[in-house]
């Protein structure tokens, strides 16, 4: 569960090599939120920037990026490109058919 394209300590595949990661629930104005706490350092977890952080699926890339998030982002872009190509193809076919049959064929399309 990366945030954007960054790795997150709440991800089920994120692990600490020192086994020092502790997830705490903190409250702000009555609203709970989860915070990763490093018991080894005694401070908030810095996620993928830590030298002891790793991903079970080996998806943690340099710069604290998640390979799964990048792949999902690329798939969305590819889907949009495919839809645009399909629309272009449909427009070209309509032009060809309208030239073939004249202006009368536009109502059929």
Protein backbone atom coordinates (compact mmCIF):
# COMPACT_ATOMS: atom_id res chain seq x y z
CA UNK A 1 0.00 0.00 0.00
CA UNK A 2 2.36 2.72 -1.17
CA UNK A 3 1.47 6.37 -0.87
CA UNK A 4 1.81 7.77 -4.39
CA UNK A 5 4.96 6.08 -5.60
CA UNK A 6 6.69 6.12 -2.20
CA UNK A 7 7.07 3.08 0.06
CA UNK A 8 5.07 3.10 3.29
CA UNK A 9 5.68 1.32 6.60
CA UNK A 10 1.99 0.31 6.70
CA UNK A 11 2.48 -1.88 3.61
CA UNK A 12 2.16 -5.61 4.45
CA UNK A 13 5.44 -6.34 2.61
CA UNK A 14 7.55 -3.68 4.37
CA UNK A 15 10.00 -5.11 6.91
CA UNK A 16 12.73 -3.87 9.21
CA UNK A 17 15.90 -5.96 9.21
CA UNK A 18 16.49 -5.10 12.89
CA UNK A 19 12.89 -6.07 13.74
CA UNK A 20 12.55 -2.68 15.37
CA UNK A 21 9.39 -1.47 13.63
CA UNK A 22 6.45 -0.85 15.94
CA UNK A 23 3.13 0.50 14.68
CA UNK A 24 1.53 2.82 17.24
CA UNK A 25 -1.94 4.34 17.18
CA UNK A 26 -1.91 8.03 18.04
CA UNK A 27 -4.90 10.31 18.46
CA UNK A 28 -5.31 13.89 17.26
CA UNK A 29 -8.57 15.59 18.23
CA UNK A 30 -10.11 12.18 18.78
CA UNK A 31 -9.12 10.82 15.35
CA UNK A 32 -6.82 7.79 15.37
CA UNK A 33 -3.92 7.43 12.94
CA UNK A 34 -1.07 4.92 12.73
CA UNK A 35 2.56 5.90 13.13
CA UNK A 36 5.60 3.70 12.54
CA UNK A 37 8.01 3.86 15.44
CA UNK A 38 11.60 2.56 15.35
CA UNK A 39 12.55 1.00 18.68
CA UNK A 40 16.20 0.77 17.68
CA UNK A 41 16.62 4.53 17.11
CA UNK A 42 13.79 5.65 19.39
CA UNK A 43 12.12 7.88 16.81
CA UNK A 44 9.61 7.80 13.95
CA UNK A 45 10.41 5.33 11.15
CA UNK A 46 11.92 6.96 8.05
CA UNK A 47 10.68 4.08 5.86
CA UNK A 48 12.72 3.32 2.72
CA UNK A 49 15.49 5.77 3.54
CA UNK A 50 16.66 3.55 6.41
CA UNK A 51 19.48 1.14 5.60
CA UNK A 52 17.67 -1.69 7.42
CA UNK A 53 14.36 -1.34 5.53
CA UNK A 54 13.48 -3.94 2.89
CA UNK A 55 10.50 -5.28 0.99
CA UNK A 56 9.51 -8.96 1.09
CA UNK A 57 8.53 -8.79 -2.59
CA UNK A 58 11.77 -6.97 -3.43
CA UNK A 59 9.85 -3.97 -4.72
CA UNK A 60 11.70 -1.27 -2.77
CA UNK A 61 13.69 0.80 -5.26
CA UNK A 62 16.35 3.43 -4.55
CA UNK A 63 14.91 6.77 -3.55
CA UNK A 64 12.19 5.16 -1.40
CA UNK A 65 10.08 4.22 -4.45
CA UNK A 66 7.82 1.19 -4.77
CA UNK A 67 8.02 -0.90 -7.97
CA UNK A 68 4.38 -1.99 -7.59
CA UNK A 69 3.15 1.62 -7.55
CA UNK A 70 5.25 2.54 -10.58
CA UNK A 71 3.92 -0.47 -12.54
CA UNK A 72 0.31 0.41 -11.66
CA UNK A 73 0.89 3.98 -12.76
CA UNK A 74 2.33 2.79 -16.09
CA UNK A 75 -0.62 0.42 -16.62
CA UNK A 76 -3.07 3.30 -16.16
CA UNK A 77 -1.15 5.38 -18.70
CA UNK A 78 -1.17 2.46 -21.16
CA UNK A 79 -4.93 2.03 -20.77
CA UNK A 80 -5.49 5.70 -21.54
CA UNK A 81 -3.26 5.45 -24.62
CA UNK A 82 -5.16 2.38 -25.85
CA UNK A 83 -8.49 4.15 -25.45
CA UNK A 84 -7.20 7.16 -27.41
CA UNK A 85 -5.92 4.90 -30.20
CA UNK A 86 -9.27 3.13 -30.36
CA UNK A 87 -11.11 6.46 -30.61
CA UNK A 88 -8.74 7.59 -33.38
CA UNK A 89 -9.37 4.33 -35.24
CA UNK A 90 -13.14 4.78 -34.90
CA UNK A 91 -12.92 8.35 -36.22
CA UNK A 92 -10.85 7.23 -39.21
CA UNK A 93 -13.34 4.49 -40.02
CA UNK A 94 -16.23 6.96 -39.83
CA UNK A 95 -14.41 9.28 -42.24
CA UNK A 96 -13.77 6.47 -44.71
CA UNK A 97 -17.37 5.25 -44.57
CA UNK A 98 -18.78 8.77 -44.93
CA UNK A 99 -16.57 9.38 -48.00
CA UNK A 100 -17.71 6.08 -49.47
CA UNK A 101 -21.44 6.59 -48.95
CA UNK A 102 -21.57 10.38 -48.96
CA UNK A 103 -23.22 12.58 -46.38
CA UNK A 104 -26.22 10.28 -46.15
CA UNK A 105 -24.16 7.63 -44.37
CA UNK A 106 -23.43 9.89 -41.40
CA UNK A 107 -26.89 9.30 -39.92
CA UNK A 108 -26.29 5.54 -39.87
CA UNK A 109 -23.06 5.95 -37.91
